[in-house]
Every structure is written in structure tokens, then in C-alpha cells.
């Protein structure tokens, strides 16, 4: 889909990796708050912003506790969606 690695939960993407960045699917409700976090930015690799998704630079996931928080956020959102099986 985006030339990287993606992790699915019941068929819905939760997190992934594009080049050196972590991609997190946070949903539209958490989107604004997620963008305020250090090293987070909009997910735009094609010239079209994907709302509800953020990219996190490597500096933003150096700490395992922070990486886990990002992954948990993506998993929480993906778990809230109906399965795509």
C-alpha cells in the first residue's frame, strides 16, 4: 500500500514502518492530540494527507516506553474497527 511494512489486527492496519518512520493509525478523534506529540507529523507520502494517521520520526521512538505507547495507540484504534476477514 505505501511501500513499507504494516501490522494488521483483524485485517485493519494499526502501525507500520515507512522508510525510517513509524506510521500509526490513530483515528480522527485522536489525530489532533497525536500530532502534538514530539517528532510526530502528518502522514503524507503522496502529496495527499491521510487524516487519522501520523508519522513518527526515529527520534520519537528511541525509548521503548514511548514506542510501546505509540503501538498501543495504533492497536487500540484498529481494535475498535470491525474485522476485515
PDB file of N, CA and C in Angstrom:
ATOM      1  N   UNK A   1       0.825  -1.199   0.000  1.00  0.00           N
ATOM      2  CA  UNK A   1       0.000   0.000   0.000  1.00  0.00           C
ATOM      3  C   UNK A   1       0.864   1.255   0.000  1.00  0.00           C
ATOM      4  N   UNK A   2       1.896   1.296   0.832  1.00  0.00           N
ATOM      5  CA  UNK A   2       2.705   2.505   0.954  1.00  0.00           C
ATOM      6  C   UNK A   2       4.196   2.214   0.840  1.00  0.00           C
ATOM      7  N   UNK A   3       4.549   1.013   0.424  1.00  0.00           N
ATOM      8  CA  UNK A   3       5.954   0.670   0.242  1.00  0.00           C
ATOM      9  C   UNK A   3       6.699   0.413   1.529  1.00  0.00           C
ATOM     10  N   UNK A   4       6.009  -0.039   2.559  1.00  0.00           N
ATOM     11  CA  UNK A   4       6.646  -0.315   3.840  1.00  0.00           C
ATOM     12  C   UNK A   4       6.048  -1.563   4.451  1.00  0.00           C
ATOM     13  N   UNK A   5       6.289  -1.747   5.731  1.00  0.00           N
ATOM     14  CA  UNK A   5       5.783  -2.884   6.475  1.00  0.00           C
ATOM     15  C   UNK A   5       4.590  -2.424   7.296  1.00  0.00           C
ATOM     16  N   UNK A   6       3.508  -3.190   7.281  1.00  0.00           N
ATOM     17  CA  UNK A   6       2.338  -2.842   8.061  1.00  0.00           C
ATOM     18  C   UNK A   6       1.906  -4.003   8.925  1.00  0.00           C
ATOM     19  N   UNK A   7       1.356  -3.698  10.079  1.00  0.00           N
ATOM     20  CA  UNK A   7       0.874  -4.713  11.010  1.00  0.00           C
ATOM     21  C   UNK A   7      -0.631  -4.581  11.145  1.00  0.00           C
ATOM     22  N   UNK A   8      -1.308  -5.708  10.914  1.00  0.00           N
ATOM     23  CA  UNK A   8      -2.759  -5.725  10.911  1.00  0.00           C
ATOM     24  C   UNK A   8      -3.304  -6.379  12.170  1.00  0.00           C
ATOM     25  N   UNK A   9      -4.461  -5.903  12.583  1.00  0.00           N
ATOM     26  CA  UNK A   9      -5.215  -6.513  13.663  1.00  0.00           C
ATOM     27  C   UNK A   9      -6.602  -6.794  13.107  1.00  0.00           C
ATOM     28  N   UNK A  10      -6.943  -8.063  12.968  1.00  0.00           N
ATOM     29  CA  UNK A  10      -8.228  -8.474  12.386  1.00  0.00           C
ATOM     30  C   UNK A  10      -8.452  -7.829  11.014  1.00  0.00           C
ATOM     31  N   UNK A  11      -7.367  -7.677  10.253  1.00  0.00           N
ATOM     32  CA  UNK A  11      -7.458  -7.128   8.908  1.00  0.00           C
ATOM     33  C   UNK A  11      -7.355  -5.619   8.805  1.00  0.00           C
ATOM     34  N   UNK A  12      -7.245  -4.924   9.925  1.00  0.00           N
ATOM     35  CA  UNK A  12      -7.128  -3.460   9.943  1.00  0.00           C
ATOM     36  C   UNK A  12      -5.710  -3.066  10.351  1.00  0.00           C
ATOM     37  N   UNK A  13      -5.119  -2.172   9.582  1.00  0.00           N
ATOM     38  CA  UNK A  13      -3.760  -1.754   9.907  1.00  0.00           C
ATOM     39  C   UNK A  13      -3.750  -0.930  11.185  1.00  0.00           C
ATOM     40  N   UNK A  14      -2.751  -1.191  12.019  1.00  0.00           N
ATOM     41  CA  UNK A  14      -2.602  -0.452  13.271  1.00  0.00           C
ATOM     42  C   UNK A  14      -1.332   0.398  13.261  1.00  0.00           C
ATOM     43  N   UNK A  15      -0.223  -0.201  12.913  1.00  0.00           N
ATOM     44  CA  UNK A  15       1.054   0.508  12.825  1.00  0.00           C
ATOM     45  C   UNK A  15       1.838  -0.044  11.638  1.00  0.00           C
ATOM     46  N   UNK A  16       2.856   0.687  11.261  1.00  0.00           N
ATOM     47  CA  UNK A  16       3.712   0.242  10.182  1.00  0.00           C
ATOM     48  C   UNK A  16       5.010   1.017  10.175  1.00  0.00           C
ATOM     49  N   UNK A  17       5.828   0.706   9.207  1.00  0.00           N
ATOM     50  CA  UNK A  17       7.110   1.390   9.042  1.00  0.00           C
ATOM     51  C   UNK A  17       7.222   1.813   7.586  1.00  0.00           C
ATOM     52  N   UNK A  18       7.536   3.074   7.374  1.00  0.00           N
ATOM     53  CA  UNK A  18       7.798   3.596   6.039  1.00  0.00           C
ATOM     54  C   UNK A  18       9.167   4.259   6.079  1.00  0.00           C
ATOM     55  N   UNK A  19      10.091   3.691   5.328  1.00  0.00           N
ATOM     56  CA  UNK A  19      11.491   4.119   5.369  1.00  0.00           C
ATOM     57  C   UNK A  19      11.962   4.029   6.816  1.00  0.00           C
ATOM     58  N   UNK A  20      12.265   5.151   7.471  1.00  0.00           N
ATOM     59  CA  UNK A  20      12.733   5.131   8.858  1.00  0.00           C
ATOM     60  C   UNK A  20      11.673   5.574   9.857  1.00  0.00           C
ATOM     61  N   UNK A  21      10.493   5.866   9.379  1.00  0.00           N
ATOM     62  CA  UNK A  21       9.448   6.407  10.252  1.00  0.00           C
ATOM     63  C   UNK A  21       8.439   5.353  10.670  1.00  0.00           C
ATOM     64  N   UNK A  22       7.928   5.503  11.874  1.00  0.00           N
ATOM     65  CA  UNK A  22       6.815   4.701  12.344  1.00  0.00           C
ATOM     66  C   UNK A  22       5.535   5.358  11.856  1.00  0.00           C
ATOM     67  N   UNK A  23       4.609   4.565  11.362  1.00  0.00           N
ATOM     68  CA  UNK A  23       3.304   5.056  10.937  1.00  0.00           C
ATOM     69  C   UNK A  23       2.299   4.499  11.934  1.00  0.00           C
ATOM     70  N   UNK A  24       1.440   5.369  12.445  1.00  0.00           N
ATOM     71  CA  UNK A  24       0.469   4.938  13.443  1.00  0.00           C
ATOM     72  C   UNK A  24      -0.921   5.376  13.004  1.00  0.00           C
ATOM     73  N   UNK A  25      -1.837   4.429  12.989  1.00  0.00           N
ATOM     74  CA  UNK A  25      -3.233   4.742  12.670  1.00  0.00           C
ATOM     75  C   UNK A  25      -3.930   5.054  13.986  1.00  0.00           C
ATOM     76  N   UNK A  26      -4.236   6.323  14.190  1.00  0.00           N
ATOM     77  CA  UNK A  26      -4.801   6.768  15.467  1.00  0.00           C
ATOM     78  C   UNK A  26      -6.288   7.080  15.383  1.00  0.00           C
ATOM     79  N   UNK A  27      -6.816   7.246  14.189  1.00  0.00           N
ATOM     80  CA  UNK A  27      -8.213   7.637  14.016  1.00  0.00           C
ATOM     81  C   UNK A  27      -8.368   9.142  14.102  1.00  0.00           C
ATOM     82  N   UNK A  28      -9.465   9.623  13.596  1.00  0.00           N
ATOM     83  CA  UNK A  28      -9.674  11.081  13.540  1.00  0.00           C
ATOM     84  C   UNK A  28      -9.858  11.710  14.914  1.00  0.00           C
ATOM     85  N   UNK A  29     -10.449  10.990  15.864  1.00  0.00           N
ATOM     86  CA  UNK A  29     -10.683  11.559  17.198  1.00  0.00           C
ATOM     87  C   UNK A  29      -9.376  11.842  17.934  1.00  0.00           C
ATOM     88  N   UNK A  30      -8.363  11.006  17.756  1.00  0.00           N
ATOM     89  CA  UNK A  30      -7.078  11.173  18.449  1.00  0.00           C
ATOM     90  C   UNK A  30      -6.034  11.874  17.593  1.00  0.00           C
ATOM     91  N   UNK A  31      -6.391  12.207  16.365  1.00  0.00           N
ATOM     92  CA  UNK A  31      -5.441  12.760  15.395  1.00  0.00           C
ATOM     93  C   UNK A  31      -4.775  14.055  15.866  1.00  0.00           C
ATOM     94  N   UNK A  32      -5.557  15.011  16.315  1.00  0.00           N
ATOM     95  CA  UNK A  32      -5.008  16.301  16.746  1.00  0.00           C
ATOM     96  C   UNK A  32      -4.040  16.167  17.904  1.00  0.00           C
ATOM     97  N   UNK A  33      -4.402  15.374  18.898  1.00  0.00           N
ATOM     98  CA  UNK A  33      -3.522  15.170  20.050  1.00  0.00           C
ATOM     99  C   UNK A  33      -2.250  14.436  19.654  1.00  0.00           C
ATOM    100  N   UNK A  34      -2.376  13.462  18.761  1.00  0.00           N
ATOM    101  CA  UNK A  34      -1.203  12.700  18.334  1.00  0.00           C
ATOM    102  C   UNK A  34      -0.201  13.600  17.613  1.00  0.00           C
ATOM    103  N   UNK A  35      -0.701  14.535  16.822  1.00  0.00           N
ATOM    104  CA  UNK A  35       0.202  15.441  16.093  1.00  0.00           C
ATOM    105  C   UNK A  35       0.948  16.395  17.013  1.00  0.00           C
ATOM    106  N   UNK A  36       0.458  16.595  18.215  1.00  0.00           N
ATOM    107  CA  UNK A  36       1.119  17.481  19.179  1.00  0.00           C
ATOM    108  C   UNK A  36       2.292  16.811  19.882  1.00  0.00           C
ATOM    109  N   UNK A  37       2.408  15.502  19.745  1.00  0.00           N
ATOM    110  CA  UNK A  37       3.477  14.770  20.427  1.00  0.00           C
ATOM    111  C   UNK A  37       4.808  15.006  19.709  1.00  0.00           C
ATOM    112  N   UNK A  38       5.905  14.945  20.467  1.00  0.00           N
ATOM    113  CA  UNK A  38       7.226  15.178  19.870  1.00  0.00           C
ATOM    114  C   UNK A  38       7.519  14.235  18.705  1.00  0.00           C
ATOM    115  N   UNK A  39       8.046  14.805  17.643  1.00  0.00           N
ATOM    116  CA  UNK A  39       8.515  14.079  16.458  1.00  0.00           C
ATOM    117  C   UNK A  39       7.396  13.488  15.607  1.00  0.00           C
ATOM    118  N   UNK A  40       6.142  13.845  15.887  1.00  0.00           N
ATOM    119  CA  UNK A  40       5.013  13.364  15.091  1.00  0.00           C
ATOM    120  C   UNK A  40       4.666  14.403  14.034  1.00  0.00           C
ATOM    121  N   UNK A  41       4.211  13.916  12.892  1.00  0.00           N
ATOM    122  CA  UNK A  41       3.790  14.812  11.815  1.00  0.00           C
ATOM    123  C   UNK A  41       2.716  14.114  10.983  1.00  0.00           C
ATOM    124  N   UNK A  42       2.118  14.848  10.081  1.00  0.00           N
ATOM    125  CA  UNK A  42       1.065  14.278   9.246  1.00  0.00           C
ATOM    126  C   UNK A  42       1.653  13.166   8.373  1.00  0.00           C
ATOM    127  N   UNK A  43       0.833  12.213   8.042  1.00  0.00           N
ATOM    128  CA  UNK A  43       1.216  11.119   7.162  1.00  0.00           C
ATOM    129  C   UNK A  43       0.894  11.552   5.741  1.00  0.00           C
ATOM    130  N   UNK A  44       1.923  11.954   5.028  1.00  0.00           N
ATOM    131  CA  UNK A  44       1.769  12.428   3.660  1.00  0.00           C
ATOM    132  C   UNK A  44       2.980  11.966   2.864  1.00  0.00           C
ATOM    133  N   UNK A  45       2.806  10.894   2.126  1.00  0.00           N
ATOM    134  CA  UNK A  45       3.916  10.394   1.303  1.00  0.00           C
ATOM    135  C   UNK A  45       3.587  10.498  -0.177  1.00  0.00           C
ATOM    136  N   UNK A  46       2.376  10.972  -0.494  1.00  0.00           N
ATOM    137  CA  UNK A  46       1.955  11.057  -1.891  1.00  0.00           C
ATOM    138  C   UNK A  46       1.491  12.450  -2.295  1.00  0.00           C
ATOM    139  N   UNK A  47       1.562  13.407  -1.368  1.00  0.00           N
ATOM    140  CA  UNK A  47       1.019  14.729  -1.640  1.00  0.00           C
ATOM    141  C   UNK A  47      -0.418  14.863  -1.160  1.00  0.00           C
ATOM    142  N   UNK A  48      -0.917  13.807  -0.557  1.00  0.00           N
ATOM    143  CA  UNK A  48      -2.281  13.815  -0.026  1.00  0.00           C
ATOM    144  C   UNK A  48      -2.232  13.362   1.435  1.00  0.00           C
ATOM    145  N   UNK A  49      -2.575  14.257   2.351  1.00  0.00           N
ATOM    146  CA  UNK A  49      -2.530  13.955   3.778  1.00  0.00           C
ATOM    147  C   UNK A  49      -3.563  12.879   4.106  1.00  0.00           C
ATOM    148  N   UNK A  50      -3.145  11.891   4.872  1.00  0.00           N
ATOM    149  CA  UNK A  50      -4.065  10.851   5.335  1.00  0.00           C
ATOM    150  C   UNK A  50      -4.453  11.165   6.773  1.00  0.00           C
ATOM    151  N   UNK A  51      -5.614  11.761   6.942  1.00  0.00           N
ATOM    152  CA  UNK A  51      -6.083  12.117   8.277  1.00  0.00           C
ATOM    153  C   UNK A  51      -6.352  10.850   9.072  1.00  0.00           C
ATOM    154  N   UNK A  52      -6.040  10.925  10.360  1.00  0.00           N
ATOM    155  CA  UNK A  52      -6.216   9.771  11.222  1.00  0.00           C
ATOM    156  C   UNK A  52      -4.970   8.902  11.307  1.00  0.00           C
ATOM    157  N   UNK A  53      -3.946   9.289  10.572  1.00  0.00           N
ATOM    158  CA  UNK A  53      -2.661   8.587  10.576  1.00  0.00           C
ATOM    159  C   UNK A  53      -1.566   9.599  10.881  1.00  0.00           C
ATOM    160  N   UNK A  54      -0.544   9.193  11.614  1.00  0.00           N
ATOM    161  CA  UNK A  54       0.611  10.065  11.856  1.00  0.00           C
ATOM    162  C   UNK A  54       1.896   9.296  11.555  1.00  0.00           C
ATOM    163  N   UNK A  55       2.917  10.067  11.241  1.00  0.00           N
ATOM    164  CA  UNK A  55       4.259   9.519  11.078  1.00  0.00           C
ATOM    165  C   UNK A  55       5.086  10.007  12.253  1.00  0.00           C
ATOM    166  N   UNK A  56       5.904   9.126  12.792  1.00  0.00           N
ATOM    167  CA  UNK A  56       6.758   9.471  13.930  1.00  0.00           C
ATOM    168  C   UNK A  56       8.203   9.242  13.514  1.00  0.00           C
ATOM    169  N   UNK A  57       9.010  10.288  13.615  1.00  0.00           N
ATOM    170  CA  UNK A  57      10.423  10.207  13.247  1.00  0.00           C
ATOM    171  C   UNK A  57      11.161   9.274  14.210  1.00  0.00           C
ATOM    172  N   UNK A  58      12.283   8.723  13.777  1.00  0.00           N
ATOM    173  CA  UNK A  58      13.033   7.803  14.633  1.00  0.00           C
ATOM    174  C   UNK A  58      13.342   8.364  16.026  1.00  0.00           C
ATOM    175  N   UNK A  59      13.615   9.655  16.111  1.00  0.00           N
ATOM    176  CA  UNK A  59      13.897  10.249  17.426  1.00  0.00           C
ATOM    177  C   UNK A  59      12.709  10.142  18.370  1.00  0.00           C
ATOM    178  N   UNK A  60      11.524   9.999  17.819  1.00  0.00           N
ATOM    179  CA  UNK A  60      10.321   9.915  18.642  1.00  0.00           C
ATOM    180  C   UNK A  60      10.000   8.530  19.161  1.00  0.00           C
ATOM    181  N   UNK A  61      10.809   7.539  18.793  1.00  0.00           N
ATOM    182  CA  UNK A  61      10.549   6.173  19.258  1.00  0.00           C
ATOM    183  C   UNK A  61      11.819   5.496  19.771  1.00  0.00           C
ATOM    184  N   UNK A  62      12.812   6.278  20.132  1.00  0.00           N
ATOM    185  CA  UNK A  62      14.059   5.708  20.642  1.00  0.00           C
ATOM    186  C   UNK A  62      13.866   5.013  21.983  1.00  0.00           C
ATOM    187  N   UNK A  63      12.971   5.516  22.777  1.00  0.00           N
ATOM    188  CA  UNK A  63      12.685   4.960  24.090  1.00  0.00           C
ATOM    189  C   UNK A  63      11.608   3.879  23.947  1.00  0.00           C
ATOM    190  N   UNK A  64      11.852   2.693  24.473  1.00  0.00           N
ATOM    191  CA  UNK A  64      10.900   1.587  24.337  1.00  0.00           C
ATOM    192  C   UNK A  64       9.538   1.899  24.940  1.00  0.00           C
ATOM    193  N   UNK A  65       9.510   2.663  26.008  1.00  0.00           N
ATOM    194  CA  UNK A  65       8.239   3.023  26.648  1.00  0.00           C
ATOM    195  C   UNK A  65       7.403   3.902  25.707  1.00  0.00           C
ATOM    196  N   UNK A  66       8.051   4.832  25.040  1.00  0.00           N
ATOM    197  CA  UNK A  66       7.340   5.717  24.108  1.00  0.00           C
ATOM    198  C   UNK A  66       6.911   4.934  22.863  1.00  0.00           C
ATOM    199  N   UNK A  67       7.780   4.068  22.357  1.00  0.00           N
ATOM    200  CA  UNK A  67       7.418   3.224  21.221  1.00  0.00           C
ATOM    201  C   UNK A  67       6.196   2.379  21.563  1.00  0.00           C
ATOM    202  N   UNK A  68       6.191   1.786  22.737  1.00  0.00           N
ATOM    203  CA  UNK A  68       5.054   0.964  23.160  1.00  0.00           C
ATOM    204  C   UNK A  68       3.781   1.789  23.221  1.00  0.00           C
ATOM    205  N   UNK A  69       3.875   3.026  23.703  1.00  0.00           N
ATOM    206  CA  UNK A  69       2.690   3.889  23.777  1.00  0.00           C
ATOM    207  C   UNK A  69       2.126   4.155  22.381  1.00  0.00           C
ATOM    208  N   UNK A  70       2.999   4.386  21.403  1.00  0.00           N
ATOM    209  CA  UNK A  70       2.540   4.604  20.029  1.00  0.00           C
ATOM    210  C   UNK A  70       1.881   3.342  19.476  1.00  0.00           C
ATOM    211  N   UNK A  71       2.536   2.204  19.676  1.00  0.00           N
ATOM    212  CA  UNK A  71       1.981   0.944  19.174  1.00  0.00           C
ATOM    213  C   UNK A  71       0.635   0.663  19.849  1.00  0.00           C
ATOM    214  N   UNK A  72       0.555   0.880  21.141  1.00  0.00           N
ATOM    215  CA  UNK A  72      -0.708   0.672  21.867  1.00  0.00           C
ATOM    216  C   UNK A  72      -1.821   1.555  21.309  1.00  0.00           C
ATOM    217  N   UNK A  73      -1.481   2.782  20.958  1.00  0.00           N
ATOM    218  CA  UNK A  73      -2.469   3.704  20.396  1.00  0.00           C
ATOM    219  C   UNK A  73      -2.997   3.179  19.061  1.00  0.00           C
ATOM    220  N   UNK A  74      -2.086   2.699  18.212  1.00  0.00           N
ATOM    221  CA  UNK A  74      -2.496   2.139  16.933  1.00  0.00           C
ATOM    222  C   UNK A  74      -3.321   0.872  17.090  1.00  0.00           C
ATOM    223  N   UNK A  75      -2.922   0.006  18.004  1.00  0.00           N
ATOM    224  CA  UNK A  75      -3.654  -1.236  18.247  1.00  0.00           C
ATOM    225  C   UNK A  75      -5.033  -0.933  18.818  1.00  0.00           C
ATOM    226  N   UNK A  76      -5.112   0.025  19.713  1.00  0.00           N
ATOM    227  CA  UNK A  76      -6.406   0.395  20.309  1.00  0.00           C
ATOM    228  C   UNK A  76      -7.379   0.858  19.219  1.00  0.00           C
ATOM    229  N   UNK A  77      -6.882   1.689  18.301  1.00  0.00           N
ATOM    230  CA  UNK A  77      -7.780   2.157  17.245  1.00  0.00           C
ATOM    231  C   UNK A  77      -8.183   1.013  16.323  1.00  0.00           C
ATOM    232  N   UNK A  78      -7.218   0.197  15.894  1.00  0.00           N
ATOM    233  CA  UNK A  78      -7.533  -0.909  14.989  1.00  0.00           C
ATOM    234  C   UNK A  78      -8.514  -1.890  15.644  1.00  0.00           C
ATOM    235  N   UNK A  79      -8.391  -2.081  16.934  1.00  0.00           N
ATOM    236  CA  UNK A  79      -9.291  -2.987  17.656  1.00  0.00           C
ATOM    237  C   UNK A  79     -10.728  -2.442  17.709  1.00  0.00           C
ATOM    238  N   UNK A  80     -10.869  -1.132  17.554  1.00  0.00           N
ATOM    239  CA  UNK A  80     -12.198  -0.528  17.611  1.00  0.00           C
ATOM    240  C   UNK A  80     -12.967  -0.671  16.291  1.00  0.00           C
ATOM    241  N   UNK A  81     -12.279  -1.129  15.249  1.00  0.00           N
ATOM    242  CA  UNK A  81     -12.893  -1.261  13.931  1.00  0.00           C
ATOM    243  C   UNK A  81     -13.456  -2.672  13.721  1.00  0.00           C
ATOM    244  N   UNK A  82     -14.469  -2.782  12.881  1.00  0.00           N
ATOM    245  CA  UNK A  82     -14.977  -4.130  12.582  1.00  0.00           C
ATOM    246  C   UNK A  82     -13.928  -4.937  11.846  1.00  0.00           C
ATOM    247  N   UNK A  83     -13.895  -6.244  12.048  1.00  0.00           N
ATOM    248  CA  UNK A  83     -12.913  -7.086  11.366  1.00  0.00           C
ATOM    249  C   UNK A  83     -13.088  -7.081   9.852  1.00  0.00           C
ATOM    250  N   UNK A  84     -11.973  -7.181   9.150  1.00  0.00           N
ATOM    251  CA  UNK A  84     -11.975  -7.316   7.690  1.00  0.00           C
ATOM    252  C   UNK A  84     -11.435  -8.709   7.388  1.00  0.00           C
ATOM    253  N   UNK A  85     -12.263  -9.672   7.527  1.00  0.00           N
ATOM    254  CA  UNK A  85     -11.805 -11.041   7.312  1.00  0.00           C
ATOM    255  C   UNK A  85     -12.465 -11.689   6.138  1.00  0.00           C
TER     256      UNK A  85
END
